[in-house]
């Protein structure tokens, strides 16, 4: 087996490991390994093949990492509507308890609600679910 074959096997192994782990960065490294295989096919010496593979694979990882760092950070899970579909729904608070909690009826069950702003904790009315902390609804005025 020639040098190009070894590069192709390494690229295939990196892709297989990526499929098992879900690490996207391994695909970028596999791109570098493919570039090393192409460099071997073009007749470059082993040193040149390694430099091409390192430059392409490392450059792809660096570009992908830089691109991801420019995206806004995802919202925390307890306040992300993509995780909890109930965020943004309305509940009605008839009365507040002395400890700053309220019992609200939501989706056919009784929930314990906590005011996001403690100053609003004793005003009954309609509230919007801001986030979910465990089995407590954090609510804010609509």
N, C-alpha and C. Protein backbone atom coordinates (compact mmCIF):
# COMPACT_ATOMS: atom_id res chain seq x y z
N UNK A 1 0.86 -1.18 0.00
CA UNK A 1 0.00 0.00 0.00
C UNK A 1 0.90 1.23 0.00
N UNK A 2 0.53 2.19 -0.83
CA UNK A 2 1.32 3.41 -0.93
C UNK A 2 0.97 4.43 0.13
N UNK A 3 1.69 5.54 0.07
CA UNK A 3 1.45 6.61 1.05
C UNK A 3 0.04 7.17 0.95
N UNK A 4 -0.47 7.31 -0.26
CA UNK A 4 -1.82 7.86 -0.45
C UNK A 4 -2.86 6.94 0.19
N UNK A 5 -2.66 5.64 0.09
CA UNK A 5 -3.59 4.70 0.71
C UNK A 5 -3.65 4.84 2.21
N UNK A 6 -2.48 5.06 2.81
CA UNK A 6 -2.44 5.25 4.26
C UNK A 6 -3.20 6.53 4.65
N UNK A 7 -3.00 7.60 3.87
CA UNK A 7 -3.73 8.85 4.14
C UNK A 7 -5.24 8.63 4.03
N UNK A 8 -5.66 7.87 3.00
CA UNK A 8 -7.09 7.62 2.83
C UNK A 8 -7.64 6.80 3.99
N UNK A 9 -6.89 5.81 4.46
CA UNK A 9 -7.33 5.02 5.61
C UNK A 9 -7.44 5.88 6.87
N UNK A 10 -6.48 6.77 7.07
CA UNK A 10 -6.54 7.66 8.23
C UNK A 10 -7.75 8.60 8.14
N UNK A 11 -8.03 9.10 6.94
CA UNK A 11 -9.19 9.98 6.76
C UNK A 11 -10.48 9.20 7.04
N UNK A 12 -10.56 7.97 6.53
CA UNK A 12 -11.74 7.15 6.79
C UNK A 12 -11.91 6.85 8.27
N UNK A 13 -10.81 6.59 8.96
CA UNK A 13 -10.87 6.33 10.40
C UNK A 13 -11.35 7.57 11.16
N UNK A 14 -10.86 8.74 10.77
CA UNK A 14 -11.30 9.98 11.42
C UNK A 14 -12.79 10.21 11.20
N UNK A 15 -13.27 9.92 10.01
CA UNK A 15 -14.70 10.09 9.74
C UNK A 15 -15.52 9.08 10.54
N UNK A 16 -15.03 7.85 10.65
CA UNK A 16 -15.74 6.84 11.44
C UNK A 16 -15.81 7.23 12.90
N UNK A 17 -14.72 7.73 13.45
CA UNK A 17 -14.71 8.17 14.85
C UNK A 17 -15.64 9.37 15.02
N UNK A 18 -15.67 10.26 14.03
CA UNK A 18 -16.58 11.41 14.11
C UNK A 18 -18.03 10.95 14.14
N UNK A 19 -18.37 9.93 13.35
CA UNK A 19 -19.73 9.42 13.34
C UNK A 19 -20.10 8.81 14.68
N UNK A 20 -19.14 8.24 15.37
CA UNK A 20 -19.40 7.64 16.68
C UNK A 20 -19.50 8.68 17.79
N UNK A 21 -18.73 9.75 17.68
CA UNK A 21 -18.67 10.75 18.76
C UNK A 21 -19.46 12.01 18.48
N UNK A 22 -19.69 12.34 17.22
CA UNK A 22 -20.40 13.57 16.89
C UNK A 22 -19.54 14.81 16.99
N UNK A 23 -18.22 14.66 17.00
CA UNK A 23 -17.31 15.78 17.09
C UNK A 23 -17.05 16.32 15.69
N UNK A 24 -17.60 17.48 15.40
CA UNK A 24 -17.49 18.04 14.05
C UNK A 24 -16.05 18.38 13.70
N UNK A 25 -15.24 18.68 14.70
CA UNK A 25 -13.85 19.04 14.43
C UNK A 25 -13.08 17.90 13.77
N UNK A 26 -13.48 16.66 14.03
CA UNK A 26 -12.80 15.53 13.37
C UNK A 26 -13.02 15.55 11.87
N UNK A 27 -14.14 16.08 11.41
CA UNK A 27 -14.35 16.21 9.96
C UNK A 27 -13.36 17.21 9.37
N UNK A 28 -13.07 18.25 10.12
CA UNK A 28 -12.09 19.22 9.65
C UNK A 28 -10.70 18.58 9.57
N UNK A 29 -10.35 17.76 10.56
CA UNK A 29 -9.07 17.06 10.52
C UNK A 29 -9.05 16.04 9.39
N UNK A 30 -10.19 15.39 9.14
CA UNK A 30 -10.27 14.44 8.03
C UNK A 30 -10.04 15.16 6.71
N UNK A 31 -10.48 16.40 6.60
CA UNK A 31 -10.23 17.19 5.39
C UNK A 31 -8.72 17.37 5.19
N UNK A 32 -8.01 17.60 6.28
CA UNK A 32 -6.55 17.70 6.19
C UNK A 32 -5.93 16.39 5.78
N UNK A 33 -6.46 15.27 6.28
CA UNK A 33 -5.93 13.97 5.89
C UNK A 33 -6.19 13.68 4.42
N UNK A 34 -7.33 14.10 3.90
CA UNK A 34 -7.62 13.95 2.47
C UNK A 34 -6.64 14.81 1.66
N UNK A 35 -6.36 16.00 2.16
CA UNK A 35 -5.38 16.85 1.47
C UNK A 35 -4.01 16.20 1.46
N UNK A 36 -3.66 15.50 2.55
CA UNK A 36 -2.40 14.76 2.57
C UNK A 36 -2.39 13.65 1.54
N UNK A 37 -3.53 12.96 1.37
CA UNK A 37 -3.63 11.92 0.35
C UNK A 37 -3.46 12.51 -1.05
N UNK A 38 -4.09 13.64 -1.29
CA UNK A 38 -3.96 14.28 -2.59
C UNK A 38 -2.53 14.75 -2.84
N UNK A 39 -1.87 15.21 -1.78
CA UNK A 39 -0.46 15.61 -1.92
C UNK A 39 0.41 14.40 -2.24
N UNK A 40 0.08 13.24 -1.67
CA UNK A 40 0.84 12.02 -1.98
C UNK A 40 0.62 11.60 -3.42
N UNK A 41 -0.63 11.74 -3.89
CA UNK A 41 -0.93 11.40 -5.29
C UNK A 41 -0.16 12.33 -6.24
N UNK A 42 0.00 13.59 -5.86
CA UNK A 42 0.72 14.55 -6.70
C UNK A 42 2.23 14.35 -6.64
N UNK A 43 2.70 13.46 -5.75
CA UNK A 43 4.12 13.14 -5.72
C UNK A 43 4.95 13.93 -4.73
N UNK A 44 4.35 14.64 -3.83
CA UNK A 44 5.13 15.36 -2.82
C UNK A 44 5.80 14.38 -1.88
N UNK A 45 6.91 14.79 -1.31
CA UNK A 45 7.61 13.96 -0.32
C UNK A 45 6.77 13.89 0.95
N UNK A 46 7.12 12.96 1.84
CA UNK A 46 6.34 12.76 3.06
C UNK A 46 6.27 14.03 3.90
N UNK A 47 7.38 14.78 3.95
CA UNK A 47 7.38 16.03 4.70
C UNK A 47 6.37 17.01 4.12
N UNK A 48 6.32 17.12 2.82
CA UNK A 48 5.36 18.00 2.16
C UNK A 48 3.93 17.55 2.39
N UNK A 49 3.71 16.24 2.35
CA UNK A 49 2.37 15.70 2.60
C UNK A 49 1.91 16.06 4.00
N UNK A 50 2.81 15.90 4.97
CA UNK A 50 2.45 16.21 6.36
C UNK A 50 2.19 17.71 6.55
N UNK A 51 3.00 18.54 5.88
CA UNK A 51 2.78 19.98 5.99
C UNK A 51 1.43 20.39 5.37
N UNK A 52 1.11 19.81 4.22
CA UNK A 52 -0.18 20.11 3.58
C UNK A 52 -1.33 19.64 4.47
N UNK A 53 -1.23 18.42 5.00
CA UNK A 53 -2.29 17.89 5.86
C UNK A 53 -2.46 18.74 7.11
N UNK A 54 -1.35 19.13 7.72
CA UNK A 54 -1.42 19.95 8.94
C UNK A 54 -1.99 21.33 8.64
N UNK A 55 -1.56 21.94 7.53
CA UNK A 55 -2.04 23.28 7.19
C UNK A 55 -3.54 23.27 6.89
N UNK A 56 -3.99 22.31 6.09
CA UNK A 56 -5.40 22.26 5.71
C UNK A 56 -6.26 21.85 6.91
N UNK A 57 -5.88 20.77 7.60
CA UNK A 57 -6.66 20.31 8.75
C UNK A 57 -6.66 21.31 9.89
N UNK A 58 -5.47 21.79 10.25
CA UNK A 58 -5.37 22.78 11.33
C UNK A 58 -6.04 24.09 10.97
N UNK A 59 -5.88 24.51 9.71
CA UNK A 59 -6.54 25.74 9.27
C UNK A 59 -8.06 25.62 9.30
N UNK A 60 -8.57 24.46 8.88
CA UNK A 60 -10.02 24.25 8.91
C UNK A 60 -10.55 24.28 10.34
N UNK A 61 -9.83 23.65 11.27
CA UNK A 61 -10.24 23.66 12.67
C UNK A 61 -10.22 25.10 13.21
N UNK A 62 -9.14 25.84 12.90
CA UNK A 62 -9.03 27.21 13.39
C UNK A 62 -10.14 28.09 12.82
N UNK A 63 -10.43 27.96 11.53
CA UNK A 63 -11.50 28.77 10.91
C UNK A 63 -12.85 28.41 11.52
N UNK A 64 -13.12 27.12 11.70
CA UNK A 64 -14.40 26.70 12.27
C UNK A 64 -14.54 27.19 13.71
N UNK A 65 -13.47 27.10 14.49
CA UNK A 65 -13.51 27.59 15.87
C UNK A 65 -13.74 29.09 15.90
N UNK A 66 -13.07 29.83 15.05
CA UNK A 66 -13.25 31.29 14.99
C UNK A 66 -14.69 31.62 14.59
N UNK A 67 -15.22 30.89 13.60
CA UNK A 67 -16.59 31.14 13.14
C UNK A 67 -17.60 30.87 14.25
N UNK A 68 -17.40 29.79 15.00
CA UNK A 68 -18.32 29.48 16.09
C UNK A 68 -18.23 30.50 17.21
N UNK A 69 -17.06 31.07 17.46
CA UNK A 69 -16.91 32.05 18.54
C UNK A 69 -17.61 33.36 18.20
N UNK A 70 -17.89 33.61 16.93
CA UNK A 70 -18.57 34.84 16.54
C UNK A 70 -20.08 34.74 16.69
N UNK A 71 -20.61 33.53 16.85
CA UNK A 71 -22.05 33.36 17.03
C UNK A 71 -22.44 33.73 18.46
N UNK A 72 -23.67 34.21 18.64
CA UNK A 72 -24.10 34.49 20.02
C UNK A 72 -24.24 33.18 20.80
N UNK A 73 -23.97 33.27 22.09
CA UNK A 73 -24.07 32.09 22.95
C UNK A 73 -25.53 31.66 23.07
N UNK A 74 -25.78 30.36 23.12
CA UNK A 74 -27.17 29.91 23.27
C UNK A 74 -27.72 30.28 24.64
N UNK A 75 -29.04 30.42 24.70
CA UNK A 75 -29.68 30.74 25.96
C UNK A 75 -29.55 29.55 26.91
N UNK A 76 -29.55 29.81 28.22
CA UNK A 76 -29.54 28.68 29.16
C UNK A 76 -30.80 27.83 28.98
N UNK A 77 -30.69 26.55 29.25
CA UNK A 77 -31.78 25.61 29.00
C UNK A 77 -33.04 25.98 29.78
N UNK A 78 -32.90 26.50 31.01
CA UNK A 78 -34.10 26.78 31.81
C UNK A 78 -34.92 27.95 31.29
N UNK A 79 -34.34 28.77 30.41
CA UNK A 79 -35.10 29.90 29.85
C UNK A 79 -35.17 29.85 28.33
N UNK A 80 -34.83 28.72 27.73
CA UNK A 80 -34.82 28.58 26.28
C UNK A 80 -36.13 27.94 25.81
N UNK A 81 -36.86 28.65 24.97
CA UNK A 81 -38.14 28.14 24.47
C UNK A 81 -37.97 26.91 23.60
N UNK A 82 -36.80 26.72 23.01
CA UNK A 82 -36.56 25.52 22.23
C UNK A 82 -36.49 24.28 23.11
N UNK A 83 -36.17 24.45 24.38
CA UNK A 83 -36.08 23.33 25.32
C UNK A 83 -37.40 23.15 26.05
N UNK A 84 -37.96 24.24 26.57
CA UNK A 84 -39.23 24.22 27.31
C UNK A 84 -40.27 24.99 26.50
N UNK A 85 -41.18 24.28 25.89
CA UNK A 85 -42.17 24.93 25.03
C UNK A 85 -43.17 25.77 25.81
N UNK A 86 -43.23 25.62 27.13
CA UNK A 86 -44.17 26.38 27.95
C UNK A 86 -43.71 27.81 28.21
N UNK A 87 -42.46 28.12 27.94
CA UNK A 87 -41.96 29.47 28.17
C UNK A 87 -42.70 30.42 27.23
N UNK A 88 -43.21 31.48 27.81
CA UNK A 88 -43.98 32.46 27.04
C UNK A 88 -45.47 32.27 27.20
N UNK A 89 -45.93 31.13 27.72
CA UNK A 89 -47.36 30.92 27.95
C UNK A 89 -47.83 31.75 29.13
N UNK A 90 -49.14 31.91 29.22
CA UNK A 90 -49.74 32.75 30.26
C UNK A 90 -50.32 31.88 31.38
N UNK A 91 -50.21 32.38 32.61
CA UNK A 91 -50.85 31.77 33.77
C UNK A 91 -51.54 32.87 34.56
N UNK A 92 -52.54 32.49 35.34
CA UNK A 92 -53.26 33.46 36.17
C UNK A 92 -52.96 33.16 37.63
N UNK A 93 -52.54 34.19 38.36
CA UNK A 93 -52.28 34.07 39.79
C UNK A 93 -53.44 34.73 40.51
N UNK A 94 -54.19 33.93 41.27
CA UNK A 94 -55.32 34.47 42.03
C UNK A 94 -54.82 35.12 43.32
N UNK A 95 -53.87 34.48 43.97
CA UNK A 95 -53.30 35.06 45.20
C UNK A 95 -51.90 34.53 45.42
N UNK A 96 -51.10 35.32 46.10
CA UNK A 96 -49.73 34.97 46.42
C UNK A 96 -49.65 34.48 47.85
N UNK A 97 -48.78 33.54 48.12
CA UNK A 97 -48.53 33.06 49.48
C UNK A 97 -47.57 34.02 50.18
N UNK A 98 -47.49 33.92 51.48
CA UNK A 98 -46.62 34.82 52.25
C UNK A 98 -45.14 34.63 51.93
N UNK A 99 -44.77 33.44 51.48
CA UNK A 99 -43.35 33.19 51.17
C UNK A 99 -42.95 33.63 49.77
N UNK A 100 -43.84 34.30 49.03
CA UNK A 100 -43.52 34.80 47.70
C UNK A 100 -43.78 33.81 46.59
N UNK A 101 -44.44 32.71 46.89
CA UNK A 101 -44.80 31.74 45.86
C UNK A 101 -46.30 31.79 45.62
N UNK A 102 -46.72 31.19 44.55
CA UNK A 102 -48.15 31.10 44.24
C UNK A 102 -48.41 29.73 43.65
N UNK A 103 -49.63 29.24 43.85
CA UNK A 103 -50.04 27.99 43.23
C UNK A 103 -50.88 28.36 42.01
N UNK A 104 -50.43 27.92 40.83
CA UNK A 104 -51.15 28.25 39.60
C UNK A 104 -51.57 26.95 38.91
N UNK A 105 -52.67 27.04 38.20
CA UNK A 105 -53.17 25.90 37.43
C UNK A 105 -52.68 26.09 36.00
N UNK A 106 -51.88 25.12 35.53
CA UNK A 106 -51.29 25.22 34.19
C UNK A 106 -51.21 23.83 33.59
N UNK A 107 -51.73 23.66 32.40
CA UNK A 107 -51.73 22.39 31.67
C UNK A 107 -52.33 21.25 32.49
N UNK A 108 -53.41 21.55 33.20
CA UNK A 108 -54.13 20.52 33.93
C UNK A 108 -53.50 20.10 35.24
N UNK A 109 -52.51 20.83 35.71
CA UNK A 109 -51.84 20.49 36.97
C UNK A 109 -51.58 21.76 37.76
N UNK A 110 -51.35 21.58 39.06
CA UNK A 110 -50.99 22.72 39.91
C UNK A 110 -49.47 22.84 39.96
N UNK A 111 -49.00 24.05 39.73
CA UNK A 111 -47.57 24.34 39.73
C UNK A 111 -47.27 25.38 40.80
N UNK A 112 -46.05 25.37 41.29
CA UNK A 112 -45.60 26.43 42.18
C UNK A 112 -44.92 27.48 41.31
N UNK A 113 -45.38 28.72 41.47
CA UNK A 113 -44.83 29.82 40.69
C UNK A 113 -44.04 30.75 41.59
N UNK A 114 -42.97 31.28 41.03
CA UNK A 114 -42.11 32.24 41.72
C UNK A 114 -42.03 33.47 40.83
N UNK A 115 -42.12 34.65 41.43
CA UNK A 115 -42.02 35.88 40.64
C UNK A 115 -40.57 36.15 40.25
N UNK A 116 -40.35 36.52 38.99
CA UNK A 116 -39.01 36.86 38.54
C UNK A 116 -38.52 38.12 39.25
N UNK A 117 -39.43 39.05 39.50
CA UNK A 117 -39.13 40.28 40.25
C UNK A 117 -39.88 40.20 41.57
N UNK A 118 -39.19 40.11 42.69
CA UNK A 118 -39.88 39.97 43.98
C UNK A 118 -40.85 41.12 44.28
N UNK A 119 -40.67 42.27 43.66
CA UNK A 119 -41.59 43.39 43.90
C UNK A 119 -42.98 43.10 43.33
N UNK A 120 -43.05 42.22 42.34
CA UNK A 120 -44.33 41.86 41.72
C UNK A 120 -45.00 40.68 42.41
N UNK A 121 -44.38 40.15 43.46
CA UNK A 121 -44.82 38.89 44.04
C UNK A 121 -46.18 38.96 44.73
N UNK A 122 -46.72 40.12 45.02
CA UNK A 122 -47.97 40.16 45.76
C UNK A 122 -49.09 40.83 44.99
N UNK A 123 -48.91 41.00 43.68
CA UNK A 123 -49.96 41.56 42.84
C UNK A 123 -50.58 40.43 42.03
N UNK A 124 -51.86 40.08 42.29
CA UNK A 124 -52.49 39.02 41.49
C UNK A 124 -52.74 39.49 40.06
N UNK A 125 -52.95 38.55 39.16
CA UNK A 125 -53.25 38.88 37.78
C UNK A 125 -52.67 37.86 36.83
N UNK A 126 -52.56 38.26 35.58
CA UNK A 126 -52.02 37.38 34.54
C UNK A 126 -50.51 37.58 34.43
N UNK A 127 -49.81 36.47 34.28
CA UNK A 127 -48.35 36.49 34.20
C UNK A 127 -47.90 35.62 33.04
N UNK A 128 -46.69 35.91 32.57
CA UNK A 128 -46.06 35.14 31.49
C UNK A 128 -44.95 34.29 32.09
N UNK A 129 -44.84 33.04 31.65
CA UNK A 129 -43.78 32.16 32.14
C UNK A 129 -42.47 32.61 31.50
N UNK A 130 -41.53 32.99 32.35
CA UNK A 130 -40.23 33.47 31.88
C UNK A 130 -39.22 32.32 31.77
N UNK A 131 -39.22 31.43 32.76
CA UNK A 131 -38.32 30.29 32.74
C UNK A 131 -38.85 29.21 33.67
N UNK A 132 -38.24 28.05 33.59
CA UNK A 132 -38.62 26.93 34.44
C UNK A 132 -37.39 26.48 35.21
N UNK A 133 -37.50 26.48 36.52
CA UNK A 133 -36.42 26.00 37.39
C UNK A 133 -36.92 24.76 38.11
N UNK A 134 -36.50 23.62 37.61
CA UNK A 134 -36.98 22.37 38.20
C UNK A 134 -38.48 22.25 37.96
N UNK A 135 -39.25 22.15 39.06
CA UNK A 135 -40.71 22.08 38.93
C UNK A 135 -41.37 23.39 39.35
N UNK A 136 -40.63 24.48 39.30
CA UNK A 136 -41.17 25.81 39.61
C UNK A 136 -41.22 26.66 38.34
N UNK A 137 -42.29 27.40 38.19
CA UNK A 137 -42.42 28.35 37.08
C UNK A 137 -41.96 29.71 37.56
N UNK A 138 -41.05 30.31 36.86
CA UNK A 138 -40.63 31.68 37.15
C UNK A 138 -41.46 32.56 36.22
N UNK A 139 -42.25 33.46 36.82
CA UNK A 139 -43.21 34.24 36.03
C UNK A 139 -42.93 35.72 36.16
N UNK A 140 -43.40 36.46 35.16
CA UNK A 140 -43.27 37.91 35.14
C UNK A 140 -44.57 38.50 34.62
N UNK A 141 -44.87 39.77 34.97
CA UNK A 141 -46.11 40.36 34.47
C UNK A 141 -46.13 40.39 32.95
N UNK A 142 -47.32 40.26 32.39
CA UNK A 142 -47.41 40.23 30.92
C UNK A 142 -47.19 41.56 30.28
